[in-house]
């Protein structure tokens, strides 16, 4: 029942922090002071490096369960979150290094977002998360109703995404795409299973050995921002794209 945020770790200058946030129950967090994400979060980190957020139960936040802004070497591990109004687990802006693993997210606009490559956001592992019920939400930037959205220097592996109104896993946003690997994920009942930014200026992408079930508009699609283009790459391959490799995926 907080007006703006649950737990804050904010620094005036970016630097090593090392705070551990563990074993808390955080719920009903509003954004009474407004803004586009600086308020309304269960855990909110700003410029604080090497923070561990683990074993927390976080629910009913206007924005995120855990939001790291310019928070390098961030670990978000084994948390349980539900009913989050925007991105549940967020690594954004000028960070380098994030591990987001073994979390459960039930009901959010986006499950996990690793974003803002244009501002230096890069280098992450998104692994072993269970994410479901991603609901439509009209906001700026990436598509909402998305399970996992990543941009640069990131491995996405062993996640389960179910019931995504838009995309199960979104790779890249326009030209902001570099060296992403998506392997061994299970995506069920999404509009589009995996979306890959088709911008020719983007870097290499490997999408392999994923199972994608029950999609409405294709298992793997090239994307122009929110808009799917061309055929289903799970069936045709990605030979028409210089930096995109798709193989060994099962669409059922």
C-alpha atoms as a PDB file:
ATOM      1  CA  UNK A   1       0.000   0.000   0.000  1.00  0.00           C
ATOM      2  CA  UNK A   2       2.696   2.492  -1.045  1.00  0.00           C
ATOM      3  CA  UNK A   3       1.958   5.627  -3.047  1.00  0.00           C
ATOM      4  CA  UNK A   4       4.946   5.376  -5.394  1.00  0.00           C
ATOM      5  CA  UNK A   5       7.493   2.550  -4.834  1.00  0.00           C
ATOM      6  CA  UNK A   6       8.129  -0.358  -2.503  1.00  0.00           C
ATOM      7  CA  UNK A   7      11.921  -0.623  -2.096  1.00  0.00           C
ATOM      8  CA  UNK A   8      14.267   1.974  -3.652  1.00  0.00           C
ATOM      9  CA  UNK A   9      18.002   1.700  -4.270  1.00  0.00           C
ATOM     10  CA  UNK A  10      18.894   4.978  -5.977  1.00  0.00           C
ATOM     11  CA  UNK A  11      22.326   6.560  -6.381  1.00  0.00           C
ATOM     12  CA  UNK A  12      23.319  10.067  -7.448  1.00  0.00           C
ATOM     13  CA  UNK A  13      26.146   8.578  -9.570  1.00  0.00           C
ATOM     14  CA  UNK A  14      26.404   5.166 -11.171  1.00  0.00           C
ATOM     15  CA  UNK A  15      28.605   2.828  -9.168  1.00  0.00           C
ATOM     16  CA  UNK A  16      29.091  -0.408  -7.272  1.00  0.00           C
ATOM     17  CA  UNK A  17      26.348  -0.873  -4.699  1.00  0.00           C
ATOM     18  CA  UNK A  18      25.946  -4.529  -3.807  1.00  0.00           C
ATOM     19  CA  UNK A  19      22.591  -4.295  -2.031  1.00  0.00           C
ATOM     20  CA  UNK A  20      20.756  -7.603  -1.456  1.00  0.00           C
ATOM     21  CA  UNK A  21      16.953  -7.469  -1.557  1.00  0.00           C
ATOM     22  CA  UNK A  22      15.703 -10.869  -0.443  1.00  0.00           C
ATOM     23  CA  UNK A  23      12.636 -12.546   0.993  1.00  0.00           C
ATOM     24  CA  UNK A  24      10.224  -9.619   1.043  1.00  0.00           C
ATOM     25  CA  UNK A  25       6.485  -9.454   0.446  1.00  0.00           C
ATOM     26  CA  UNK A  26       5.606  -6.348  -1.601  1.00  0.00           C
ATOM     27  CA  UNK A  27       2.093  -5.578  -2.820  1.00  0.00           C
ATOM     28  CA  UNK A  28      -0.298  -2.842  -3.920  1.00  0.00           C
ATOM     29  CA  UNK A  29       2.216  -0.255  -5.159  1.00  0.00           C
ATOM     30  CA  UNK A  30       0.744   2.782  -6.901  1.00  0.00           C
ATOM     31  CA  UNK A  31       2.285   5.556  -9.024  1.00  0.00           C
ATOM     32  CA  UNK A  32       0.607   8.453  -7.278  1.00  0.00           C
ATOM     33  CA  UNK A  33       3.284  10.957  -8.356  1.00  0.00           C
ATOM     34  CA  UNK A  34       2.927   9.932 -12.000  1.00  0.00           C
ATOM     35  CA  UNK A  35       5.667   9.416 -14.571  1.00  0.00           C
ATOM     36  CA  UNK A  36       6.476   6.653 -17.038  1.00  0.00           C
ATOM     37  CA  UNK A  37       8.148   4.203 -14.698  1.00  0.00           C
ATOM     38  CA  UNK A  38      10.062   6.030 -11.991  1.00  0.00           C
ATOM     39  CA  UNK A  39       7.093   5.304  -9.732  1.00  0.00           C
ATOM     40  CA  UNK A  40       4.758   2.347  -9.347  1.00  0.00           C
ATOM     41  CA  UNK A  41       7.366  -0.404  -8.846  1.00  0.00           C
ATOM     42  CA  UNK A  42       7.859  -3.057  -6.196  1.00  0.00           C
ATOM     43  CA  UNK A  43      11.652  -2.767  -6.357  1.00  0.00           C
ATOM     44  CA  UNK A  44      13.219   0.207  -8.144  1.00  0.00           C
ATOM     45  CA  UNK A  45      16.970   0.455  -8.806  1.00  0.00           C
ATOM     46  CA  UNK A  46      18.723   3.477 -10.329  1.00  0.00           C
ATOM     47  CA  UNK A  47      22.460   3.608 -11.114  1.00  0.00           C
ATOM     48  CA  UNK A  48      23.087   0.898  -8.503  1.00  0.00           C
ATOM     49  CA  UNK A  49      25.408  -1.860  -9.744  1.00  0.00           C
ATOM     50  CA  UNK A  50      25.754  -5.466  -8.543  1.00  0.00           C
ATOM     51  CA  UNK A  51      22.377  -5.640  -6.816  1.00  0.00           C
ATOM     52  CA  UNK A  52      20.770  -9.031  -6.121  1.00  0.00           C
ATOM     53  CA  UNK A  53      16.960  -9.216  -6.018  1.00  0.00           C
ATOM     54  CA  UNK A  54      15.880 -12.712  -5.006  1.00  0.00           C
ATOM     55  CA  UNK A  55      13.113 -14.690  -3.359  1.00  0.00           C
ATOM     56  CA  UNK A  56      10.575 -11.875  -3.207  1.00  0.00           C
ATOM     57  CA  UNK A  57       6.807 -12.100  -3.691  1.00  0.00           C
ATOM     58  CA  UNK A  58       5.638  -8.965  -5.535  1.00  0.00           C
ATOM     59  CA  UNK A  59       2.092  -8.283  -6.711  1.00  0.00           C
ATOM     60  CA  UNK A  60      -0.336  -5.590  -7.850  1.00  0.00           C
ATOM     61  CA  UNK A  61       2.124  -2.897  -8.930  1.00  0.00           C
ATOM     62  CA  UNK A  62       1.106  -0.148 -11.350  1.00  0.00           C
ATOM     63  CA  UNK A  63       4.343  -0.593 -13.303  1.00  0.00           C
ATOM     64  CA  UNK A  64       7.016  -3.246 -12.574  1.00  0.00           C
ATOM     65  CA  UNK A  65       7.813  -5.857  -9.969  1.00  0.00           C
ATOM     66  CA  UNK A  66      11.544  -5.141 -10.403  1.00  0.00           C
ATOM     67  CA  UNK A  67      12.877  -2.240 -12.490  1.00  0.00           C
ATOM     68  CA  UNK A  68      16.592  -1.656 -12.974  1.00  0.00           C
ATOM     69  CA  UNK A  69      17.504   1.632 -14.679  1.00  0.00           C
ATOM     70  CA  UNK A  70      21.223   1.929 -15.513  1.00  0.00           C
ATOM     71  CA  UNK A  71      21.789  -0.877 -12.975  1.00  0.00           C
ATOM     72  CA  UNK A  72      24.732  -2.943 -14.252  1.00  0.00           C
ATOM     73  CA  UNK A  73      25.523  -6.514 -13.178  1.00  0.00           C
ATOM     74  CA  UNK A  74      21.978  -6.909 -11.900  1.00  0.00           C
ATOM     75  CA  UNK A  75      20.607 -10.280 -10.784  1.00  0.00           C
ATOM     76  CA  UNK A  76      16.834 -10.817 -10.651  1.00  0.00           C
ATOM     77  CA  UNK A  77      16.519 -14.419  -9.518  1.00  0.00           C
ATOM     78  CA  UNK A  78      13.712 -16.658  -8.198  1.00  0.00           C
ATOM     79  CA  UNK A  79      11.070 -14.017  -7.580  1.00  0.00           C
ATOM     80  CA  UNK A  80       7.314 -14.525  -7.883  1.00  0.00           C
ATOM     81  CA  UNK A  81       5.258 -11.704  -9.391  1.00  0.00           C
ATOM     82  CA  UNK A  82       1.668 -11.248 -10.456  1.00  0.00           C
ATOM     83  CA  UNK A  83      -0.689  -8.573 -11.728  1.00  0.00           C
ATOM     84  CA  UNK A  84       1.916  -6.084 -12.906  1.00  0.00           C
ATOM     85  CA  UNK A  85       0.648  -3.172 -14.981  1.00  0.00           C
ATOM     86  CA  UNK A  86       3.625  -2.766 -17.306  1.00  0.00           C
ATOM     87  CA  UNK A  87       6.904  -4.722 -17.694  1.00  0.00           C
ATOM     88  CA  UNK A  88       7.221  -7.190 -14.821  1.00  0.00           C
ATOM     89  CA  UNK A  89      11.037  -7.496 -14.800  1.00  0.00           C
ATOM     90  CA  UNK A  90      12.930  -4.658 -16.448  1.00  0.00           C
ATOM     91  CA  UNK A  91      16.592  -3.979 -17.282  1.00  0.00           C
ATOM     92  CA  UNK A  92      16.687  -0.652 -19.108  1.00  0.00           C
ATOM     93  CA  UNK A  93      18.845   2.249 -20.298  1.00  0.00           C
ATOM     94  CA  UNK A  94      22.597   2.365 -19.677  1.00  0.00           C
ATOM     95  CA  UNK A  95      23.257  -0.983 -18.013  1.00  0.00           C
ATOM     96  CA  UNK A  96      25.837  -3.640 -18.858  1.00  0.00           C
ATOM     97  CA  UNK A  97      25.063  -7.070 -17.489  1.00  0.00           C
ATOM     98  CA  UNK A  98      21.815  -8.580 -16.203  1.00  0.00           C
ATOM     99  CA  UNK A  99      20.817 -12.113 -15.243  1.00  0.00           C
ATOM    100  CA  UNK A 100      17.059 -12.664 -15.067  1.00  0.00           C
ATOM    101  CA  UNK A 101      16.388 -16.281 -14.164  1.00  0.00           C
ATOM    102  CA  UNK A 102      14.043 -18.714 -12.443  1.00  0.00           C
ATOM    103  CA  UNK A 103      11.258 -16.189 -11.902  1.00  0.00           C
ATOM    104  CA  UNK A 104       7.506 -16.789 -12.111  1.00  0.00           C
ATOM    105  CA  UNK A 105       5.378 -14.034 -13.638  1.00  0.00           C
ATOM    106  CA  UNK A 106       1.598 -14.345 -13.899  1.00  0.00           C
ATOM    107  CA  UNK A 107      -0.268 -11.460 -15.573  1.00  0.00           C
ATOM    108  CA  UNK A 108       1.641  -8.448 -16.883  1.00  0.00           C
ATOM    109  CA  UNK A 109       1.854  -6.347 -20.024  1.00  0.00           C
ATOM    110  CA  UNK A 110       5.391  -7.683 -20.669  1.00  0.00           C
ATOM    111  CA  UNK A 111       7.125 -10.419 -18.698  1.00  0.00           C
ATOM    112  CA  UNK A 112      10.812  -9.542 -19.151  1.00  0.00           C
ATOM    113  CA  UNK A 113      12.371  -6.627 -21.043  1.00  0.00           C
ATOM    114  CA  UNK A 114      16.093  -6.124 -21.708  1.00  0.00           C
ATOM    115  CA  UNK A 115      16.100  -2.922 -23.671  1.00  0.00           C
ATOM    116  CA  UNK A 116      17.512   0.488 -24.635  1.00  0.00           C
ATOM    117  CA  UNK A 117      20.492  -0.686 -26.693  1.00  0.00           C
ATOM    118  CA  UNK A 118      20.368   2.822 -28.146  1.00  0.00           C
ATOM    119  CA  UNK A 119      21.337   4.105 -24.675  1.00  0.00           C
ATOM    120  CA  UNK A 120      23.944   1.430 -23.970  1.00  0.00           C
ATOM    121  CA  UNK A 121      21.689  -1.288 -22.510  1.00  0.00           C
ATOM    122  CA  UNK A 122      23.299  -4.642 -23.331  1.00  0.00           C
ATOM    123  CA  UNK A 123      24.580  -8.019 -22.134  1.00  0.00           C
ATOM    124  CA  UNK A 124      22.077 -10.312 -20.450  1.00  0.00           C
ATOM    125  CA  UNK A 125      20.959 -13.857 -19.743  1.00  0.00           C
ATOM    126  CA  UNK A 126      17.220 -14.575 -19.585  1.00  0.00           C
ATOM    127  CA  UNK A 127      16.863 -18.178 -18.498  1.00  0.00           C
ATOM    128  CA  UNK A 128      14.428 -20.577 -16.898  1.00  0.00           C
ATOM    129  CA  UNK A 129      11.562 -18.162 -16.324  1.00  0.00           C
ATOM    130  CA  UNK A 130       7.883 -19.161 -16.319  1.00  0.00           C
ATOM    131  CA  UNK A 131       5.834 -16.312 -17.767  1.00  0.00           C
ATOM    132  CA  UNK A 132       2.130 -16.368 -18.542  1.00  0.00           C
ATOM    133  CA  UNK A 133      -0.912 -14.238 -19.203  1.00  0.00           C
ATOM    134  CA  UNK A 134       0.636 -11.278 -21.033  1.00  0.00           C
ATOM    135  CA  UNK A 135      -2.184  -8.854 -21.613  1.00  0.00           C
ATOM    136  CA  UNK A 136      -2.742  -6.118 -24.221  1.00  0.00           C
ATOM    137  CA  UNK A 137      -1.537  -2.684 -23.253  1.00  0.00           C
ATOM    138  CA  UNK A 138      -1.014   0.333 -25.482  1.00  0.00           C
ATOM    139  CA  UNK A 139       2.221   2.088 -24.589  1.00  0.00           C
ATOM    140  CA  UNK A 140       5.295   3.507 -26.261  1.00  0.00           C
ATOM    141  CA  UNK A 141       8.141   1.325 -27.549  1.00  0.00           C
ATOM    142  CA  UNK A 142       7.962  -2.440 -27.674  1.00  0.00           C
ATOM    143  CA  UNK A 143       4.764  -4.371 -28.255  1.00  0.00           C
ATOM    144  CA  UNK A 144       2.787  -5.059 -25.104  1.00  0.00           C
ATOM    145  CA  UNK A 145       1.288  -8.441 -24.434  1.00  0.00           C
ATOM    146  CA  UNK A 146       4.825  -9.831 -24.918  1.00  0.00           C
ATOM    147  CA  UNK A 147       6.526 -12.547 -22.896  1.00  0.00           C
ATOM    148  CA  UNK A 148      10.195 -11.623 -23.302  1.00  0.00           C
ATOM    149  CA  UNK A 149      11.681  -8.689 -25.245  1.00  0.00           C
ATOM    150  CA  UNK A 150      15.449  -8.345 -25.762  1.00  0.00           C
ATOM    151  CA  UNK A 151      17.761  -6.297 -27.959  1.00  0.00           C
ATOM    152  CA  UNK A 152      21.522  -6.834 -27.660  1.00  0.00           C
ATOM    153  CA  UNK A 153      24.170  -9.350 -26.587  1.00  0.00           C
ATOM    154  CA  UNK A 154      21.643 -11.606 -24.878  1.00  0.00           C
ATOM    155  CA  UNK A 155      20.971 -15.334 -24.466  1.00  0.00           C
ATOM    156  CA  UNK A 156      17.324 -16.358 -24.042  1.00  0.00           C
ATOM    157  CA  UNK A 157      17.131 -20.009 -23.100  1.00  0.00           C
ATOM    158  CA  UNK A 158      14.894 -22.523 -21.355  1.00  0.00           C
ATOM    159  CA  UNK A 159      11.959 -20.200 -20.712  1.00  0.00           C
ATOM    160  CA  UNK A 160       8.264 -21.097 -20.846  1.00  0.00           C
ATOM    161  CA  UNK A 161       5.862 -18.431 -22.121  1.00  0.00           C
ATOM    162  CA  UNK A 162       2.108 -19.038 -22.285  1.00  0.00           C
ATOM    163  CA  UNK A 163      -0.825 -16.833 -23.327  1.00  0.00           C
ATOM    164  CA  UNK A 164       0.909 -13.821 -24.869  1.00  0.00           C
ATOM    165  CA  UNK A 165      -1.538 -11.462 -26.536  1.00  0.00           C
ATOM    166  CA  UNK A 166       1.181 -10.225 -28.908  1.00  0.00           C
ATOM    167  CA  UNK A 167       4.548 -12.046 -29.121  1.00  0.00           C
ATOM    168  CA  UNK A 168       6.091 -14.800 -27.030  1.00  0.00           C
ATOM    169  CA  UNK A 169       9.695 -13.649 -27.536  1.00  0.00           C
ATOM    170  CA  UNK A 170      10.554 -10.403 -29.344  1.00  0.00           C
ATOM    171  CA  UNK A 171      14.136 -10.025 -30.597  1.00  0.00           C
ATOM    172  CA  UNK A 172      15.265  -6.531 -31.516  1.00  0.00           C
ATOM    173  CA  UNK A 173      13.392  -3.312 -32.152  1.00  0.00           C
ATOM    174  CA  UNK A 174      14.040  -1.692 -35.505  1.00  0.00           C
ATOM    175  CA  UNK A 175      17.810  -1.471 -36.027  1.00  0.00           C
ATOM    176  CA  UNK A 176      18.469  -2.058 -32.323  1.00  0.00           C
ATOM    177  CA  UNK A 177      19.355  -5.761 -32.544  1.00  0.00           C
ATOM    178  CA  UNK A 178      22.728  -7.398 -31.974  1.00  0.00           C
ATOM    179  CA  UNK A 179      23.929 -10.924 -31.238  1.00  0.00           C
ATOM    180  CA  UNK A 180      20.901 -12.559 -29.667  1.00  0.00           C
ATOM    181  CA  UNK A 181      20.553 -16.319 -29.161  1.00  0.00           C
ATOM    182  CA  UNK A 182      17.109 -17.845 -28.450  1.00  0.00           C
ATOM    183  CA  UNK A 183      17.241 -21.605 -27.870  1.00  0.00           C
ATOM    184  CA  UNK A 184      15.300 -24.277 -26.041  1.00  0.00           C
ATOM    185  CA  UNK A 185      12.261 -22.172 -25.183  1.00  0.00           C
ATOM    186  CA  UNK A 186       8.631 -23.329 -25.089  1.00  0.00           C
ATOM    187  CA  UNK A 187       6.020 -20.842 -26.275  1.00  0.00           C
ATOM    188  CA  UNK A 188       2.330 -21.703 -26.075  1.00  0.00           C
ATOM    189  CA  UNK A 189      -0.768 -19.841 -27.223  1.00  0.00           C
ATOM    190  CA  UNK A 190       0.743 -16.573 -28.442  1.00  0.00           C
ATOM    191  CA  UNK A 191      -0.382 -14.413 -31.334  1.00  0.00           C
ATOM    192  CA  UNK A 192       3.150 -14.751 -32.753  1.00  0.00           C
ATOM    193  CA  UNK A 193       5.638 -17.161 -31.205  1.00  0.00           C
ATOM    194  CA  UNK A 194       8.967 -15.436 -31.863  1.00  0.00           C
ATOM    195  CA  UNK A 195       9.289 -12.074 -33.595  1.00  0.00           C
ATOM    196  CA  UNK A 196      12.629 -10.954 -35.047  1.00  0.00           C
ATOM    197  CA  UNK A 197      13.272  -7.388 -36.133  1.00  0.00           C
ATOM    198  CA  UNK A 198      13.927  -7.506 -39.868  1.00  0.00           C
ATOM    199  CA  UNK A 199      15.938  -4.279 -40.079  1.00  0.00           C
ATOM    200  CA  UNK A 200      19.019  -4.919 -42.232  1.00  0.00           C
ATOM    201  CA  UNK A 201      21.142  -2.738 -39.941  1.00  0.00           C
ATOM    202  CA  UNK A 202      20.658  -5.167 -37.044  1.00  0.00           C
ATOM    203  CA  UNK A 203      23.265  -7.681 -35.922  1.00  0.00           C
ATOM    204  CA  UNK A 204      23.250 -11.470 -35.855  1.00  0.00           C
ATOM    205  CA  UNK A 205      20.412 -13.579 -34.422  1.00  0.00           C
ATOM    206  CA  UNK A 206      20.211 -17.342 -33.861  1.00  0.00           C
ATOM    207  CA  UNK A 207      16.796 -18.909 -33.179  1.00  0.00           C
ATOM    208  CA  UNK A 208      17.069 -22.681 -32.784  1.00  0.00           C
ATOM    209  CA  UNK A 209      15.492 -25.711 -31.138  1.00  0.00           C
ATOM    210  CA  UNK A 210      12.441 -23.977 -29.712  1.00  0.00           C
ATOM    211  CA  UNK A 211       8.953 -25.508 -29.491  1.00  0.00           C
ATOM    212  CA  UNK A 212       6.116 -23.168 -30.444  1.00  0.00           C
ATOM    213  CA  UNK A 213       2.510 -24.265 -30.046  1.00  0.00           C
ATOM    214  CA  UNK A 214      -0.883 -22.815 -30.896  1.00  0.00           C
ATOM    215  CA  UNK A 215       0.093 -19.462 -32.396  1.00  0.00           C
ATOM    216  CA  UNK A 216      -2.466 -17.446 -34.308  1.00  0.00           C
ATOM    217  CA  UNK A 217      -0.273 -15.588 -36.812  1.00  0.00           C
ATOM    218  CA  UNK A 218       2.801 -17.738 -37.088  1.00  0.00           C
ATOM    219  CA  UNK A 219       5.527 -19.419 -35.063  1.00  0.00           C
ATOM    220  CA  UNK A 220       8.500 -17.250 -36.123  1.00  0.00           C
ATOM    221  CA  UNK A 221       7.987 -14.009 -38.020  1.00  0.00           C
ATOM    222  CA  UNK A 222      10.163 -11.189 -39.283  1.00  0.00           C
ATOM    223  CA  UNK A 223       8.874  -7.968 -37.756  1.00  0.00           C
ATOM    224  CA  UNK A 224       8.773  -4.324 -38.748  1.00  0.00           C
ATOM    225  CA  UNK A 225       8.357  -3.080 -35.178  1.00  0.00           C
ATOM    226  CA  UNK A 226       4.843  -4.296 -34.233  1.00  0.00           C
ATOM    227  CA  UNK A 227       3.965  -5.550 -37.734  1.00  0.00           C
ATOM    228  CA  UNK A 228       4.762  -9.104 -38.939  1.00  0.00           C
ATOM    229  CA  UNK A 229       6.021  -9.378 -42.519  1.00  0.00           C
ATOM    230  CA  UNK A 230       6.632 -12.226 -44.936  1.00  0.00           C
ATOM    231  CA  UNK A 231       6.142 -15.963 -44.348  1.00  0.00           C
ATOM    232  CA  UNK A 232       6.494 -18.041 -41.206  1.00  0.00           C
ATOM    233  CA  UNK A 233      10.258 -18.543 -40.862  1.00  0.00           C
ATOM    234  CA  UNK A 234       9.725 -21.732 -38.851  1.00  0.00           C
ATOM    235  CA  UNK A 235       8.545 -23.297 -42.111  1.00  0.00           C
ATOM    236  CA  UNK A 236      10.600 -21.477 -44.750  1.00  0.00           C
ATOM    237  CA  UNK A 237      13.842 -20.676 -42.945  1.00  0.00           C
ATOM    238  CA  UNK A 238      15.510 -17.279 -42.930  1.00  0.00           C
ATOM    239  CA  UNK A 239      17.745 -17.518 -46.002  1.00  0.00           C
ATOM    240  CA  UNK A 240      16.499 -14.130 -47.183  1.00  0.00           C
ATOM    241  CA  UNK A 241      18.049 -12.396 -44.152  1.00  0.00           C
ATOM    242  CA  UNK A 242      21.816 -11.996 -43.997  1.00  0.00           C
ATOM    243  CA  UNK A 243      22.181 -11.937 -40.206  1.00  0.00           C
ATOM    244  CA  UNK A 244      19.312 -14.184 -39.082  1.00  0.00           C
ATOM    245  CA  UNK A 245      19.617 -17.961 -38.682  1.00  0.00           C
ATOM    246  CA  UNK A 246      16.542 -20.066 -37.899  1.00  0.00           C
ATOM    247  CA  UNK A 247      16.691 -23.855 -37.564  1.00  0.00           C
ATOM    248  CA  UNK A 248      15.571 -26.939 -35.677  1.00  0.00           C
ATOM    249  CA  UNK A 249      12.397 -25.355 -34.300  1.00  0.00           C
ATOM    250  CA  UNK A 250       9.150 -27.289 -33.908  1.00  0.00           C
ATOM    251  CA  UNK A 251       5.860 -25.517 -34.647  1.00  0.00           C
ATOM    252  CA  UNK A 252       2.784 -27.490 -33.579  1.00  0.00           C
END
